[in-house]
C-alpha atoms as a PDB file:
ATOM      1  CA  MET A   1     111.822  97.496 109.763  1.00  0.00           C
ATOM      2  CA  LEU A   2     111.795  97.020 106.024  1.00  0.00           C
ATOM      3  CA  ILE A   3     108.657  95.334 104.701  1.00  0.00           C
ATOM      4  CA  GLU A   4     109.535  94.367 101.136  1.00  0.00           C
ATOM      5  CA  ASN A   5     107.686  92.661  98.267  1.00  0.00           C
ATOM      6  CA  ASN A   6     104.916  91.042 100.297  1.00  0.00           C
ATOM      7  CA  VAL A   7     101.406  90.290  99.109  1.00  0.00           C
ATOM      8  CA  PHE A   8      98.420  90.884 101.388  1.00  0.00           C
ATOM      9  CA  LEU A   9      95.184  89.192 100.300  1.00  0.00           C
ATOM     10  CA  ASN A  10      91.869  89.894 102.047  1.00  0.00           C
ATOM     11  CA  ALA A  11      93.633  91.904 104.745  1.00  0.00           C
ATOM     12  CA  VAL A  12      91.666  94.695 106.394  1.00  0.00           C
ATOM     13  CA  LYS A  13      94.723  96.172 108.117  1.00  0.00           C
ATOM     14  CA  PRO A  14      97.770  94.621 106.446  1.00  0.00           C
ATOM     15  CA  LEU A  15     100.345  96.586 108.414  1.00  0.00           C
ATOM     16  CA  MET A  16      99.806  98.776 111.451  1.00  0.00           C
ATOM     17  CA  THR A  17     102.351 100.818 113.314  1.00  0.00           C
ATOM     18  CA  LEU A  18     100.156 103.762 114.280  1.00  0.00           C
ATOM     19  CA  GLU A  19      97.958 101.853 116.777  1.00  0.00           C
ATOM     20  CA  GLU A  20     100.523  99.325 117.988  1.00  0.00           C
ATOM     21  CA  GLY A  21     103.641 101.493 117.976  1.00  0.00           C
ATOM     22  CA  GLY A  22     106.852 100.950 116.057  1.00  0.00           C
ATOM     23  CA  TYR A  23     108.119 101.939 112.648  1.00  0.00           C
ATOM     24  CA  ALA A  24     107.991 100.326 109.218  1.00  0.00           C
ATOM     25  CA  ASN A  25     109.234 101.208 105.765  1.00  0.00           C
ATOM     26  CA  PRO A  26     107.288  99.343 103.080  1.00  0.00           C
ATOM     27  CA  VAL A  27     108.796  98.879  99.619  1.00  0.00           C
ATOM     28  CA  GLY A  28     107.217  97.121  96.633  1.00  0.00           C
ATOM     29  CA  ASN A  29     104.310  95.503  98.490  1.00  0.00           C
ATOM     30  CA  ASP A  30     100.939  94.519  97.056  1.00  0.00           C
ATOM     31  CA  TRP A  31      98.404  95.639  99.647  1.00  0.00           C
ATOM     32  CA  GLY A  32      95.478  94.002  97.838  1.00  0.00           C
ATOM     33  CA  GLY A  33      93.488  97.231  97.910  1.00  0.00           C
ATOM     34  CA  ALA A  34      93.935  97.753 101.662  1.00  0.00           C
ATOM     35  CA  ILE A  35      95.655 100.802 103.099  1.00  0.00           C
ATOM     36  CA  PRO A  36      98.441 100.291 105.649  1.00  0.00           C
ATOM     37  CA  GLU A  37      98.515 102.526 108.719  1.00  0.00           C
ATOM     38  CA  LEU A  38     102.167 103.412 108.970  1.00  0.00           C
ATOM     39  CA  ASN A  39     104.545 105.356 111.075  1.00  0.00           C
ATOM     40  CA  PRO A  40     107.608 105.452 108.766  1.00  0.00           C
ATOM     41  CA  GLY A  41     111.050 105.001 110.252  1.00  0.00           C
ATOM     42  CA  THR A  42     114.562 105.784 109.097  1.00  0.00           C
ATOM     43  CA  PHE A  43     115.771 102.254 108.244  1.00  0.00           C
ATOM     44  CA  THR A  44     115.655 102.208 104.455  1.00  0.00           C
ATOM     45  CA  SER A  45     118.323  99.683 103.429  1.00  0.00           C
ATOM     46  CA  ALA A  46     119.961  96.638 104.966  1.00  0.00           C
ATOM     47  CA  PRO A  47     123.745  96.653 105.510  1.00  0.00           C
ATOM     48  CA  TYR A  48     124.113  93.645 103.184  1.00  0.00           C
ATOM     49  CA  SER A  49     123.058  92.733  99.663  1.00  0.00           C
ATOM     50  CA  TYR A  50     120.132  90.498  98.755  1.00  0.00           C
ATOM     51  CA  SER A  51     117.678  90.034  95.932  1.00  0.00           C
ATOM     52  CA  LEU A  52     113.903  90.185  96.083  1.00  0.00           C
ATOM     53  CA  GLY A  53     111.444  88.097  94.144  1.00  0.00           C
ATOM     54  CA  ALA A  54     108.622  89.827  92.329  1.00  0.00           C
ATOM     55  CA  THR A  55     105.328  90.152  94.195  1.00  0.00           C
ATOM     56  CA  THR A  56     103.609  88.284  91.370  1.00  0.00           C
ATOM     57  CA  GLY A  57     105.378  85.088  92.462  1.00  0.00           C
ATOM     58  CA  VAL A  58     104.666  85.373  96.191  1.00  0.00           C
ATOM     59  CA  PRO A  59     101.207  83.700  96.389  1.00  0.00           C
ATOM     60  CA  SER A  60     102.289  80.610  94.440  1.00  0.00           C
ATOM     61  CA  ALA A  61     105.580  80.328  96.362  1.00  0.00           C
ATOM     62  CA  VAL A  62     103.732  80.455  99.698  1.00  0.00           C
ATOM     63  CA  GLN A  63     101.128  77.928  98.591  1.00  0.00           C
ATOM     64  CA  ALA A  64     103.821  75.580  97.258  1.00  0.00           C
ATOM     65  CA  GLY A  65     105.697  75.697 100.566  1.00  0.00           C
ATOM     66  CA  ALA A  66     102.737  75.656 102.954  1.00  0.00           C
ATOM     67  CA  GLY A  67     102.026  72.519 104.966  1.00  0.00           C
ATOM     68  CA  THR A  68     103.804  69.952 107.080  1.00  0.00           C
ATOM     69  CA  CYS A  69     107.284  68.910 105.901  1.00  0.00           C
ATOM     70  CA  LYS A  70     107.086  70.930 102.687  1.00  0.00           C
ATOM     71  CA  ILE A  71     110.154  73.104 103.279  1.00  0.00           C
ATOM     72  CA  THR A  72     113.593  71.595 103.785  1.00  0.00           C
ATOM     73  CA  VAL A  73     116.759  73.366 104.832  1.00  0.00           C
END
């Protein structure tokens, strides 16, 4: 699984694959000073194109969209 451009605030164990099993490939994440416990896998790119937002915009985007009826499709 690709874990890309996420922000982890106040997380003790932001991503664990060693204890729980599985594989993860993190790219461009802000761990907030925490250290992920990873078992890296071989999946390094999706078979389609997409663009990622910068990690600096993640907290405000989440806060703006959090809550009942805030996100529309």
